[in-house]
Amino acid sequence: MTDAQKETNPADPVSKAPETKSTFPLGVAQTSSRPAPIAQVAGDAAVTAALAEMTDMVTQARAEGRIVERLPLSAIDLGHLVRDRLKAQSEDLEALKSSLKARGQQVPVEVLDRGAKASPRYGLISGWRRMLALSEIGVDEVLAVVREPKSASDAYVAMVEENEIRSDISFYERARIVVKALEQGVYSDPKSALQSLFANVSRAKRSKIKSFMVLVEALDDVLRFPTSISEKNGLVIAKALQVDPSVANNIREGLSQTKPENAEQEIAALLKACRPAEPKKPVQNKAPRQISLHFDTDAKRIELSGEGIDEAFMSALESWLKKQ
């Protein structure tokens, strides 16, 4: 075989390719510099858009109060709003605690996010009894819906509406929340406060709440059992205060003297102070004594006779004569 034949017909048909030196650094594999397929780019964009949409949906749902969150009790300020409920009835609270132990929390509370710098961060809008009951049974967390009320009045309305649904709040408590909202500048006048906070009740009921406001303004700092004042008694007391403002001082003095230990004693003292004073009975002059007087000038003698002469008369006459 000639050299030319060897070159054209090699003995080893699988010849090695000519060796070339890599232009990449040692240990670095060559990668393709071709752009990613259009399908991959479109897929990445779709994922990004979906994540952004999901984030927006969650943010909007949270803002609208459609997401229930689990928050620490310690992160919620129970005094963020002046409460319309002055106290929880012991029997009702015990029943609520038993329900929470047996079934867990079924209804979330409503809170306001006051911002990361606030401490506690959240302010309670509604659900005060649930918060109290959870705390007393040793639960550290509460299911809550974060609201974003547009104004302070919206927050107060939310609190009032929840309690109105349960219909277990007294007229005094209803009136007190109106007074406190006015004091804090949430509303400019009683009429707008009543119409906003109690928009869903009848005009007659709003009128009664307005009457109870007189009690709150005059006596809130001295009453110990205000929630026990019935509608009937409250309207009587309110009318008395409106007719005669001095009745408030009479009530204060009466409560200070009697120091009632229960609701019945306090209401009795309130009603007693509201009664008008009985007019003094005119003093009736006694009929003049029927006495006849005769003086005998010759005998130098005075004679007294008649039905008016008795031992008392004689004693008084004798005492008078001695002083002359």
C-alpha atoms as a PDB file:
ATOM      1  CA  MET A   1       0.000   0.000   0.000  1.00  0.00           C
ATOM      2  CA  THR A   2       1.413   3.210  -1.070  1.00  0.00           C
ATOM      3  CA  ASP A   3       1.575   6.274   1.140  1.00  0.00           C
ATOM      4  CA  ALA A   4      -1.193   7.802  -0.942  1.00  0.00           C
ATOM      5  CA  GLN A   5      -3.437   4.805  -0.326  1.00  0.00           C
ATOM      6  CA  LYS A   6      -2.781   5.022   3.428  1.00  0.00           C
ATOM      7  CA  GLU A   7      -3.882   8.599   3.396  1.00  0.00           C
ATOM      8  CA  THR A   8      -7.122   7.823   1.517  1.00  0.00           C
ATOM      9  CA  ASN A   9      -7.871   4.415   3.084  1.00  0.00           C
ATOM     10  CA  PRO A  10      -6.687   4.438   6.686  1.00  0.00           C
ATOM     11  CA  ALA A  11      -6.460   1.116   8.482  1.00  0.00           C
ATOM     12  CA  ASP A  12      -8.468   2.514  11.368  1.00  0.00           C
ATOM     13  CA  PRO A  13     -11.674   3.718   9.798  1.00  0.00           C
ATOM     14  CA  VAL A  14     -12.595   5.631  13.036  1.00  0.00           C
ATOM     15  CA  SER A  15     -10.069   8.311  13.051  1.00  0.00           C
ATOM     16  CA  LYS A  16      -9.801  10.872  15.812  1.00  0.00           C
ATOM     17  CA  ALA A  17     -10.763  14.394  15.045  1.00  0.00           C
ATOM     18  CA  PRO A  18      -7.987  16.852  15.076  1.00  0.00           C
ATOM     19  CA  GLU A  19      -7.330  18.113  18.626  1.00  0.00           C
ATOM     20  CA  THR A  20      -8.170  21.699  19.252  1.00  0.00           C
ATOM     21  CA  LYS A  21      -7.445  23.778  22.344  1.00  0.00           C
ATOM     22  CA  SER A  22     -10.427  25.049  24.322  1.00  0.00           C
ATOM     23  CA  THR A  23     -10.926  28.777  24.467  1.00  0.00           C
ATOM     24  CA  PHE A  24     -12.788  28.487  27.858  1.00  0.00           C
ATOM     25  CA  PRO A  25     -11.061  28.506  31.217  1.00  0.00           C
ATOM     26  CA  LEU A  26     -10.250  25.232  32.855  1.00  0.00           C
ATOM     27  CA  GLY A  27     -13.344  23.605  34.422  1.00  0.00           C
ATOM     28  CA  VAL A  28     -15.857  25.950  32.741  1.00  0.00           C
ATOM     29  CA  ALA A  29     -18.207  24.294  30.320  1.00  0.00           C
ATOM     30  CA  GLN A  30     -19.228  26.024  27.179  1.00  0.00           C
ATOM     31  CA  THR A  31     -22.743  27.360  27.319  1.00  0.00           C
ATOM     32  CA  SER A  32     -25.032  28.313  24.583  1.00  0.00           C
ATOM     33  CA  SER A  33     -25.276  32.001  23.921  1.00  0.00           C
ATOM     34  CA  ARG A  34     -28.559  31.609  22.101  1.00  0.00           C
ATOM     35  CA  PRO A  35     -31.543  33.566  23.560  1.00  0.00           C
ATOM     36  CA  ALA A  36     -34.206  31.652  25.598  1.00  0.00           C
ATOM     37  CA  PRO A  37     -37.081  30.290  23.560  1.00  0.00           C
ATOM     38  CA  ILE A  38     -40.087  32.598  23.209  1.00  0.00           C
ATOM     39  CA  ALA A  39     -42.287  30.079  25.031  1.00  0.00           C
ATOM     40  CA  GLN A  40     -40.051  30.218  28.117  1.00  0.00           C
ATOM     41  CA  VAL A  41     -40.078  34.018  28.191  1.00  0.00           C
ATOM     42  CA  ALA A  42     -43.840  34.068  27.871  1.00  0.00           C
ATOM     43  CA  GLY A  43     -44.192  31.504  30.662  1.00  0.00           C
ATOM     44  CA  ASP A  44     -41.995  33.492  33.050  1.00  0.00           C
ATOM     45  CA  ALA A  45     -44.007  36.632  32.343  1.00  0.00           C
ATOM     46  CA  ALA A  46     -47.260  34.788  33.011  1.00  0.00           C
ATOM     47  CA  VAL A  47     -45.999  33.506  36.378  1.00  0.00           C
ATOM     48  CA  THR A  48     -44.882  36.998  37.388  1.00  0.00           C
ATOM     49  CA  ALA A  49     -48.227  38.476  36.382  1.00  0.00           C
ATOM     50  CA  ALA A  50     -50.125  35.764  38.264  1.00  0.00           C
ATOM     51  CA  LEU A  51     -48.093  36.382  41.430  1.00  0.00           C
ATOM     52  CA  ALA A  52     -48.691  40.130  41.169  1.00  0.00           C
ATOM     53  CA  GLU A  53     -52.409  39.569  40.673  1.00  0.00           C
ATOM     54  CA  MET A  54     -52.555  37.193  43.619  1.00  0.00           C
ATOM     55  CA  THR A  55     -50.729  39.724  45.811  1.00  0.00           C
ATOM     56  CA  ASP A  56     -53.162  42.453  44.798  1.00  0.00           C
ATOM     57  CA  MET A  57     -56.128  40.190  45.497  1.00  0.00           C
ATOM     58  CA  VAL A  58     -54.854  39.303  48.971  1.00  0.00           C
ATOM     59  CA  THR A  59     -54.109  42.956  49.744  1.00  0.00           C
ATOM     60  CA  GLN A  60     -57.575  44.006  48.608  1.00  0.00           C
ATOM     61  CA  ALA A  61     -59.264  41.166  50.481  1.00  0.00           C
ATOM     62  CA  ARG A  62     -57.432  42.131  53.671  1.00  0.00           C
ATOM     63  CA  ALA A  63     -58.373  45.768  53.227  1.00  0.00           C
ATOM     64  CA  GLU A  64     -62.010  44.789  52.750  1.00  0.00           C
ATOM     65  CA  GLY A  65     -61.995  42.568  55.830  1.00  0.00           C
ATOM     66  CA  ARG A  66     -62.425  39.285  53.970  1.00  0.00           C
ATOM     67  CA  ILE A  67     -59.387  37.574  55.487  1.00  0.00           C
ATOM     68  CA  VAL A  68     -59.405  36.149  59.005  1.00  0.00           C
ATOM     69  CA  GLU A  69     -56.040  36.387  60.740  1.00  0.00           C
ATOM     70  CA  ARG A  70     -54.713  34.923  63.962  1.00  0.00           C
ATOM     71  CA  LEU A  71     -53.329  37.685  66.177  1.00  0.00           C
ATOM     72  CA  PRO A  72     -51.845  37.708  69.702  1.00  0.00           C
ATOM     73  CA  LEU A  73     -54.199  39.112  72.324  1.00  0.00           C
ATOM     74  CA  SER A  74     -51.358  41.298  73.546  1.00  0.00           C
ATOM     75  CA  ALA A  75     -51.178  42.994  70.138  1.00  0.00           C
ATOM     76  CA  ILE A  76     -54.714  44.413  70.456  1.00  0.00           C
ATOM     77  CA  ASP A  77     -55.641  47.535  72.437  1.00  0.00           C
ATOM     78  CA  LEU A  78     -59.070  46.989  74.010  1.00  0.00           C
ATOM     79  CA  GLY A  79     -59.383  50.678  74.856  1.00  0.00           C
ATOM     80  CA  HIS A  80     -58.828  51.990  71.342  1.00  0.00           C
ATOM     81  CA  LEU A  81     -62.474  53.124  71.235  1.00  0.00           C
ATOM     82  CA  VAL A  82     -64.647  54.190  74.148  1.00  0.00           C
ATOM     83  CA  ARG A  83     -66.725  51.066  74.657  1.00  0.00           C
ATOM     84  CA  ASP A  84     -70.498  51.210  74.483  1.00  0.00           C
ATOM     85  CA  ARG A  85     -70.719  48.263  76.862  1.00  0.00           C
ATOM     86  CA  LEU A  86     -69.825  49.224  80.435  1.00  0.00           C
ATOM     87  CA  LYS A  87     -69.415  45.684  81.743  1.00  0.00           C
ATOM     88  CA  ALA A  88     -70.057  42.083  80.850  1.00  0.00           C
ATOM     89  CA  GLN A  89     -72.807  40.324  82.778  1.00  0.00           C
ATOM     90  CA  SER A  90     -71.213  37.481  84.734  1.00  0.00           C
ATOM     91  CA  GLU A  91     -73.746  34.867  83.584  1.00  0.00           C
ATOM     92  CA  ASP A  92     -73.405  35.839  79.924  1.00  0.00           C
ATOM     93  CA  LEU A  93     -69.629  35.870  80.164  1.00  0.00           C
ATOM     94  CA  GLU A  94     -69.543  32.409  81.741  1.00  0.00           C
ATOM     95  CA  ALA A  95     -71.772  31.062  78.958  1.00  0.00           C
ATOM     96  CA  LEU A  96     -69.468  32.581  76.342  1.00  0.00           C
ATOM     97  CA  LYS A  97     -66.403  31.072  78.009  1.00  0.00           C
ATOM     98  CA  SER A  98     -68.034  27.636  78.034  1.00  0.00           C
ATOM     99  CA  SER A  99     -68.871  27.969  74.332  1.00  0.00           C
ATOM    100  CA  LEU A 100     -65.317  28.996  73.463  1.00  0.00           C
ATOM    101  CA  LYS A 101     -63.906  26.026  75.359  1.00  0.00           C
ATOM    102  CA  ALA A 102     -66.270  23.588  73.670  1.00  0.00           C
ATOM    103  CA  ARG A 103     -66.376  24.892  70.090  1.00  0.00           C
ATOM    104  CA  GLY A 104     -63.582  27.396  69.817  1.00  0.00           C
ATOM    105  CA  GLN A 105     -63.956  30.910  68.478  1.00  0.00           C
ATOM    106  CA  GLN A 106     -66.652  30.950  65.799  1.00  0.00           C
ATOM    107  CA  VAL A 107     -66.885  34.685  65.101  1.00  0.00           C
ATOM    108  CA  PRO A 108     -63.764  36.826  64.586  1.00  0.00           C
ATOM    109  CA  VAL A 109     -63.287  40.154  66.295  1.00  0.00           C
ATOM    110  CA  GLU A 110     -62.755  43.328  64.281  1.00  0.00           C
ATOM    111  CA  VAL A 111     -59.573  45.355  64.656  1.00  0.00           C
ATOM    112  CA  LEU A 112     -57.907  48.382  63.121  1.00  0.00           C
ATOM    113  CA  ASP A 113     -54.261  48.248  62.020  1.00  0.00           C
ATOM    114  CA  ARG A 114     -52.683  51.326  63.600  1.00  0.00           C
ATOM    115  CA  GLY A 115     -49.303  50.786  61.938  1.00  0.00           C
ATOM    116  CA  ALA A 116     -46.056  49.002  62.766  1.00  0.00           C
ATOM    117  CA  LYS A 117     -44.899  51.807  65.084  1.00  0.00           C
ATOM    118  CA  ALA A 118     -48.004  51.640  67.298  1.00  0.00           C
ATOM    119  CA  SER A 119     -47.959  49.583  70.486  1.00  0.00           C
ATOM    120  CA  PRO A 120     -50.150  47.607  70.605  1.00  0.00           C
ATOM    121  CA  ARG A 121     -50.323  47.596  66.843  1.00  0.00           C
ATOM    122  CA  TYR A 122     -54.043  46.878  66.564  1.00  0.00           C
ATOM    123  CA  GLY A 123     -57.020  48.685  68.063  1.00  0.00           C
ATOM    124  CA  LEU A 124     -60.210  46.789  68.901  1.00  0.00           C
ATOM    125  CA  ILE A 125     -63.333  47.856  67.017  1.00  0.00           C
ATOM    126  CA  SER A 126     -65.780  45.126  68.036  1.00  0.00           C
ATOM    127  CA  GLY A 127     -65.610  41.870  69.961  1.00  0.00           C
ATOM    128  CA  TRP A 128     -64.781  43.137  73.450  1.00  0.00           C
ATOM    129  CA  ARG A 129     -66.602  40.294  75.246  1.00  0.00           C
ATOM    130  CA  ARG A 130     -64.889  37.645  73.114  1.00  0.00           C
ATOM    131  CA  MET A 131     -61.504  39.182  73.885  1.00  0.00           C
ATOM    132  CA  LEU A 132     -62.286  39.231  77.607  1.00  0.00           C
ATOM    133  CA  ALA A 133     -63.532  35.634  77.603  1.00  0.00           C
ATOM    134  CA  LEU A 134     -60.538  34.338  75.634  1.00  0.00           C
ATOM    135  CA  SER A 135     -58.188  36.061  78.042  1.00  0.00           C
ATOM    136  CA  GLU A 136     -59.921  34.549  81.080  1.00  0.00           C
ATOM    137  CA  ILE A 137     -59.755  30.987  79.720  1.00  0.00           C
ATOM    138  CA  GLY A 138     -56.044  31.360  78.992  1.00  0.00           C
ATOM    139  CA  VAL A 139     -56.066  31.639  75.195  1.00  0.00           C
ATOM    140  CA  ASP A 140     -53.218  33.768  73.842  1.00  0.00           C
ATOM    141  CA  GLU A 141     -54.466  34.338  70.291  1.00  0.00           C
ATOM    142  CA  VAL A 142     -57.670  35.544  68.686  1.00  0.00           C
ATOM    143  CA  LEU A 143     -59.172  35.218  65.222  1.00  0.00           C
ATOM    144  CA  ALA A 144     -59.529  38.728  63.850  1.00  0.00           C
ATOM    145  CA  VAL A 145     -60.547  40.612  60.748  1.00  0.00           C
ATOM    146  CA  VAL A 146     -58.487  43.725  60.035  1.00  0.00           C
ATOM    147  CA  ARG A 147     -60.709  46.604  58.988  1.00  0.00           C
ATOM    148  CA  GLU A 148     -59.791  49.933  57.465  1.00  0.00           C
ATOM    149  CA  PRO A 149     -62.588  52.307  58.501  1.00  0.00           C
ATOM    150  CA  LYS A 150     -62.555  55.539  56.560  1.00  0.00           C
ATOM    151  CA  SER A 151     -63.137  57.591  59.700  1.00  0.00           C
ATOM    152  CA  ALA A 152     -63.484  57.319  63.462  1.00  0.00           C
ATOM    153  CA  SER A 153     -67.252  57.505  63.079  1.00  0.00           C
ATOM    154  CA  ASP A 154     -67.206  54.395  60.868  1.00  0.00           C
ATOM    155  CA  ALA A 155     -65.343  52.517  63.598  1.00  0.00           C
ATOM    156  CA  TYR A 156     -67.893  53.559  66.229  1.00  0.00           C
ATOM    157  CA  VAL A 157     -70.764  52.573  63.941  1.00  0.00           C
ATOM    158  CA  ALA A 158     -69.239  49.099  63.472  1.00  0.00           C
ATOM    159  CA  MET A 159     -68.987  48.627  67.233  1.00  0.00           C
ATOM    160  CA  VAL A 160     -72.539  49.817  67.893  1.00  0.00           C
ATOM    161  CA  GLU A 161     -74.074  47.763  65.087  1.00  0.00           C
ATOM    162  CA  GLU A 162     -72.607  44.521  66.415  1.00  0.00           C
ATOM    163  CA  ASN A 163     -74.101  45.070  69.860  1.00  0.00           C
ATOM    164  CA  GLU A 164     -77.434  46.220  68.427  1.00  0.00           C
ATOM    165  CA  ILE A 165     -77.699  42.888  66.610  1.00  0.00           C
ATOM    166  CA  ARG A 166     -77.442  41.086  69.948  1.00  0.00           C
ATOM    167  CA  SER A 167     -79.987  43.459  71.571  1.00  0.00           C
ATOM    168  CA  ASP A 168     -78.410  43.077  74.999  1.00  0.00           C
ATOM    169  CA  ILE A 169     -77.172  46.594  75.547  1.00  0.00           C
ATOM    170  CA  SER A 170     -78.976  48.995  77.871  1.00  0.00           C
ATOM    171  CA  PHE A 171     -80.408  52.391  76.994  1.00  0.00           C
ATOM    172  CA  TYR A 172     -77.875  53.952  79.333  1.00  0.00           C
ATOM    173  CA  GLU A 173     -74.979  52.339  77.461  1.00  0.00           C
ATOM    174  CA  ARG A 174     -76.412  53.454  74.135  1.00  0.00           C
ATOM    175  CA  ALA A 175     -76.687  57.029  75.373  1.00  0.00           C
ATOM    176  CA  ARG A 176     -73.238  56.948  76.917  1.00  0.00           C
ATOM    177  CA  ILE A 177     -71.481  56.026  73.668  1.00  0.00           C
ATOM    178  CA  VAL A 178     -73.194  58.979  71.973  1.00  0.00           C
ATOM    179  CA  VAL A 179     -72.016  61.333  74.720  1.00  0.00           C
ATOM    180  CA  LYS A 180     -68.449  59.988  74.630  1.00  0.00           C
ATOM    181  CA  ALA A 181     -68.289  60.170  70.831  1.00  0.00           C
ATOM    182  CA  LEU A 182     -69.360  63.809  71.041  1.00  0.00           C
ATOM    183  CA  GLU A 183     -66.763  64.519  73.733  1.00  0.00           C
ATOM    184  CA  GLN A 184     -64.021  63.094  71.511  1.00  0.00           C
ATOM    185  CA  GLY A 185     -65.092  65.197  68.562  1.00  0.00           C
ATOM    186  CA  VAL A 186     -66.184  62.261  66.426  1.00  0.00           C
ATOM    187  CA  TYR A 187     -69.462  64.082  65.765  1.00  0.00           C
ATOM    188  CA  SER A 188     -70.297  67.766  65.811  1.00  0.00           C
ATOM    189  CA  ASP A 189     -73.764  67.586  67.366  1.00  0.00           C
ATOM    190  CA  PRO A 190     -76.102  65.099  69.097  1.00  0.00           C
ATOM    191  CA  LYS A 191     -78.467  64.803  66.139  1.00  0.00           C
ATOM    192  CA  SER A 192     -75.779  63.693  63.678  1.00  0.00           C
ATOM    193  CA  ALA A 193     -74.300  61.340  66.284  1.00  0.00           C
ATOM    194  CA  LEU A 194     -77.639  59.657  66.954  1.00  0.00           C
ATOM    195  CA  GLN A 195     -78.519  59.359  63.276  1.00  0.00           C
ATOM    196  CA  SER A 196     -75.117  57.888  62.427  1.00  0.00           C
ATOM    197  CA  LEU A 197     -74.659  55.483  65.338  1.00  0.00           C
ATOM    198  CA  PHE A 198     -78.280  54.341  65.434  1.00  0.00           C
ATOM    199  CA  ALA A 199     -79.331  54.741  61.822  1.00  0.00           C
ATOM    200  CA  ASN A 200     -81.117  51.379  61.827  1.00  0.00           C
ATOM    201  CA  VAL A 201     -83.350  51.953  64.853  1.00  0.00           C
ATOM    202  CA  SER A 202     -86.705  53.702  64.944  1.00  0.00           C
ATOM    203  CA  ARG A 203     -87.059  57.427  65.536  1.00  0.00           C
ATOM    204  CA  ALA A 204     -88.888  56.697  68.803  1.00  0.00           C
ATOM    205  CA  LYS A 205     -85.979  54.626  70.065  1.00  0.00           C
ATOM    206  CA  ARG A 206     -83.477  57.335  69.104  1.00  0.00           C
ATOM    207  CA  SER A 207     -85.607  59.808  71.048  1.00  0.00           C
ATOM    208  CA  LYS A 208     -85.387  57.623  74.158  1.00  0.00           C
ATOM    209  CA  ILE A 209     -81.624  57.308  73.757  1.00  0.00           C
ATOM    210  CA  LYS A 210     -81.444  61.104  73.552  1.00  0.00           C
ATOM    211  CA  SER A 211     -83.397  61.366  76.820  1.00  0.00           C
ATOM    212  CA  PHE A 212     -80.977  58.983  78.532  1.00  0.00           C
ATOM    213  CA  MET A 213     -78.124  61.247  77.415  1.00  0.00           C
ATOM    214  CA  VAL A 214     -79.355  63.707  80.064  1.00  0.00           C
ATOM    215  CA  LEU A 215     -78.684  61.059  82.732  1.00  0.00           C
ATOM    216  CA  VAL A 216     -75.224  60.333  81.397  1.00  0.00           C
ATOM    217  CA  GLU A 217     -74.210  63.980  81.255  1.00  0.00           C
ATOM    218  CA  ALA A 218     -75.504  64.731  84.750  1.00  0.00           C
ATOM    219  CA  LEU A 219     -74.718  61.571  86.727  1.00  0.00           C
ATOM    220  CA  ASP A 220     -72.246  59.309  84.906  1.00  0.00           C
ATOM    221  CA  ASP A 221     -69.503  59.857  87.489  1.00  0.00           C
ATOM    222  CA  VAL A 222     -71.640  58.920  90.523  1.00  0.00           C
ATOM    223  CA  LEU A 223     -73.788  56.005  89.334  1.00  0.00           C
ATOM    224  CA  ARG A 224     -72.573  52.531  90.286  1.00  0.00           C
ATOM    225  CA  PHE A 225     -75.274  50.453  88.584  1.00  0.00           C
ATOM    226  CA  PRO A 226     -76.372  52.533  85.577  1.00  0.00           C
ATOM    227  CA  THR A 227     -77.028  49.568  83.294  1.00  0.00           C
ATOM    228  CA  SER A 228     -79.778  48.422  85.658  1.00  0.00           C
ATOM    229  CA  ILE A 229     -81.846  51.555  85.059  1.00  0.00           C
ATOM    230  CA  SER A 230     -84.911  50.430  83.140  1.00  0.00           C
ATOM    231  CA  GLU A 231     -86.349  52.322  80.202  1.00  0.00           C
ATOM    232  CA  LYS A 232     -89.334  53.495  82.275  1.00  0.00           C
ATOM    233  CA  ASN A 233     -87.328  54.667  85.291  1.00  0.00           C
ATOM    234  CA  GLY A 234     -84.690  56.271  83.103  1.00  0.00           C
ATOM    235  CA  LEU A 235     -87.252  58.379  81.270  1.00  0.00           C
ATOM    236  CA  VAL A 236     -88.769  59.493  84.591  1.00  0.00           C
ATOM    237  CA  ILE A 237     -85.369  60.560  85.918  1.00  0.00           C
ATOM    238  CA  ALA A 238     -84.430  62.270  82.649  1.00  0.00           C
ATOM    239  CA  LYS A 239     -87.661  64.271  82.646  1.00  0.00           C
ATOM    240  CA  ALA A 240     -87.094  65.361  86.242  1.00  0.00           C
ATOM    241  CA  LEU A 241     -83.571  66.522  85.365  1.00  0.00           C
ATOM    242  CA  GLN A 242     -84.844  68.480  82.375  1.00  0.00           C
ATOM    243  CA  VAL A 243     -87.635  70.179  84.327  1.00  0.00           C
ATOM    244  CA  ASP A 244     -85.450  71.052  87.308  1.00  0.00           C
ATOM    245  CA  PRO A 245     -81.637  70.893  86.930  1.00  0.00           C
ATOM    246  CA  SER A 246     -81.277  71.100  90.729  1.00  0.00           C
ATOM    247  CA  VAL A 247     -82.539  67.506  90.869  1.00  0.00           C
ATOM    248  CA  ALA A 248     -79.022  66.419  89.887  1.00  0.00           C
ATOM    249  CA  ASN A 249     -77.645  67.880  93.126  1.00  0.00           C
ATOM    250  CA  ASN A 250     -80.443  66.230  95.092  1.00  0.00           C
ATOM    251  CA  ILE A 251     -79.528  62.881  93.555  1.00  0.00           C
ATOM    252  CA  ARG A 252     -75.837  63.348  94.281  1.00  0.00           C
ATOM    253  CA  GLU A 253     -76.535  64.233  97.903  1.00  0.00           C
ATOM    254  CA  GLY A 254     -78.937  61.332  98.251  1.00  0.00           C
ATOM    255  CA  LEU A 255     -76.459  58.819  96.842  1.00  0.00           C
ATOM    256  CA  SER A 256     -73.704  60.226  99.036  1.00  0.00           C
ATOM    257  CA  GLN A 257     -75.831  59.780 102.153  1.00  0.00           C
ATOM    258  CA  THR A 258     -77.396  56.394 101.400  1.00  0.00           C
ATOM    259  CA  LYS A 259     -74.379  54.781  99.685  1.00  0.00           C
ATOM    260  CA  PRO A 260     -76.453  52.123  97.871  1.00  0.00           C
ATOM    261  CA  GLU A 261     -74.888  48.675  97.771  1.00  0.00           C
ATOM    262  CA  ASN A 262     -76.955  47.241  94.923  1.00  0.00           C
ATOM    263  CA  ALA A 263     -78.951  48.311  91.888  1.00  0.00           C
ATOM    264  CA  GLU A 264     -82.308  48.237  93.696  1.00  0.00           C
ATOM    265  CA  GLN A 265     -81.108  50.608  96.405  1.00  0.00           C
ATOM    266  CA  GLU A 266     -79.560  52.965  93.872  1.00  0.00           C
ATOM    267  CA  ILE A 267     -82.716  53.175  91.748  1.00  0.00           C
ATOM    268  CA  ALA A 268     -84.822  53.771  94.870  1.00  0.00           C
ATOM    269  CA  ALA A 269     -82.551  56.672  95.817  1.00  0.00           C
ATOM    270  CA  LEU A 270     -82.739  58.089  92.288  1.00  0.00           C
ATOM    271  CA  LEU A 271     -86.523  58.013  92.158  1.00  0.00           C
ATOM    272  CA  LYS A 272     -86.846  59.448  95.663  1.00  0.00           C
ATOM    273  CA  ALA A 273     -84.673  62.420  94.744  1.00  0.00           C
ATOM    274  CA  CYS A 274     -86.779  63.019  91.633  1.00  0.00           C
ATOM    275  CA  ARG A 275     -90.074  63.285  93.479  1.00  0.00           C
ATOM    276  CA  PRO A 276     -91.215  66.866  94.056  1.00  0.00           C
ATOM    277  CA  ALA A 277     -91.056  67.969  97.667  1.00  0.00           C
ATOM    278  CA  GLU A 278     -94.360  67.714  99.447  1.00  0.00           C
ATOM    279  CA  PRO A 279     -95.764  71.149 100.283  1.00  0.00           C
ATOM    280  CA  LYS A 280     -95.702  72.009 103.950  1.00  0.00           C
ATOM    281  CA  LYS A 281     -99.024  71.754 105.628  1.00  0.00           C
ATOM    282  CA  PRO A 282    -100.283  75.148 106.734  1.00  0.00           C
ATOM    283  CA  VAL A 283    -100.191  75.648 110.478  1.00  0.00           C
ATOM    284  CA  GLN A 284    -103.722  75.808 111.731  1.00  0.00           C
ATOM    285  CA  ASN A 285    -104.249  78.319 114.481  1.00  0.00           C
ATOM    286  CA  LYS A 286    -106.016  76.827 117.402  1.00  0.00           C
ATOM    287  CA  ALA A 287    -109.351  78.268 118.271  1.00  0.00           C
ATOM    288  CA  PRO A 288    -109.085  80.879 121.013  1.00  0.00           C
ATOM    289  CA  ARG A 289    -109.784  79.658 124.471  1.00  0.00           C
ATOM    290  CA  GLN A 290    -113.284  80.335 125.691  1.00  0.00           C
ATOM    291  CA  ILE A 291    -112.488  82.302 128.850  1.00  0.00           C
ATOM    292  CA  SER A 292    -114.517  84.956 130.575  1.00  0.00           C
ATOM    293  CA  LEU A 293    -112.846  87.634 132.674  1.00  0.00           C
ATOM    294  CA  HIS A 294    -114.507  89.574 135.507  1.00  0.00           C
ATOM    295  CA  PHE A 295    -112.878  92.183 137.739  1.00  0.00           C
ATOM    296  CA  ASP A 296    -114.495  93.186 141.040  1.00  0.00           C
ATOM    297  CA  THR A 297    -113.161  96.647 141.890  1.00  0.00           C
ATOM    298  CA  ASP A 298    -114.570  96.676 145.398  1.00  0.00           C
ATOM    299  CA  ALA A 299    -113.232  93.289 146.319  1.00  0.00           C
ATOM    300  CA  LYS A 300    -110.064  93.787 144.304  1.00  0.00           C
ATOM    301  CA  ARG A 301    -110.633  90.419 142.695  1.00  0.00           C
ATOM    302  CA  ILE A 302    -110.277  88.985 139.191  1.00  0.00           C
ATOM    303  CA  GLU A 303    -112.445  86.077 138.200  1.00  0.00           C
ATOM    304  CA  LEU A 304    -111.694  83.786 135.227  1.00  0.00           C
ATOM    305  CA  SER A 305    -114.177  81.234 134.026  1.00  0.00           C
ATOM    306  CA  GLY A 306    -114.849  79.134 130.945  1.00  0.00           C
ATOM    307  CA  GLU A 307    -113.958  75.880 129.165  1.00  0.00           C
ATOM    308  CA  GLY A 308    -110.498  77.138 128.313  1.00  0.00           C
ATOM    309  CA  ILE A 309    -109.369  77.079 131.891  1.00  0.00           C
ATOM    310  CA  ASP A 310    -107.499  73.909 132.788  1.00  0.00           C
ATOM    311  CA  GLU A 311    -104.410  72.916 134.734  1.00  0.00           C
ATOM    312  CA  ALA A 312    -102.094  73.788 131.859  1.00  0.00           C
ATOM    313  CA  PHE A 313    -103.638  77.236 131.578  1.00  0.00           C
ATOM    314  CA  MET A 314    -103.339  77.826 135.302  1.00  0.00           C
ATOM    315  CA  SER A 315     -99.709  76.720 135.292  1.00  0.00           C
ATOM    316  CA  ALA A 316     -98.873  79.028 132.399  1.00  0.00           C
ATOM    317  CA  LEU A 317    -100.720  81.922 134.041  1.00  0.00           C
ATOM    318  CA  GLU A 318     -98.985  81.390 137.342  1.00  0.00           C
ATOM    319  CA  SER A 319     -95.589  81.293 135.614  1.00  0.00           C
ATOM    320  CA  TRP A 320     -96.393  84.505 133.776  1.00  0.00           C
ATOM    321  CA  LEU A 321     -97.529  86.311 136.915  1.00  0.00           C
ATOM    322  CA  LYS A 322     -94.313  85.431 138.713  1.00  0.00           C
ATOM    323  CA  LYS A 323     -92.299  87.115 135.967  1.00  0.00           C
ATOM    324  CA  GLN A 324     -94.215  90.369 136.242  1.00  0.00           C
END
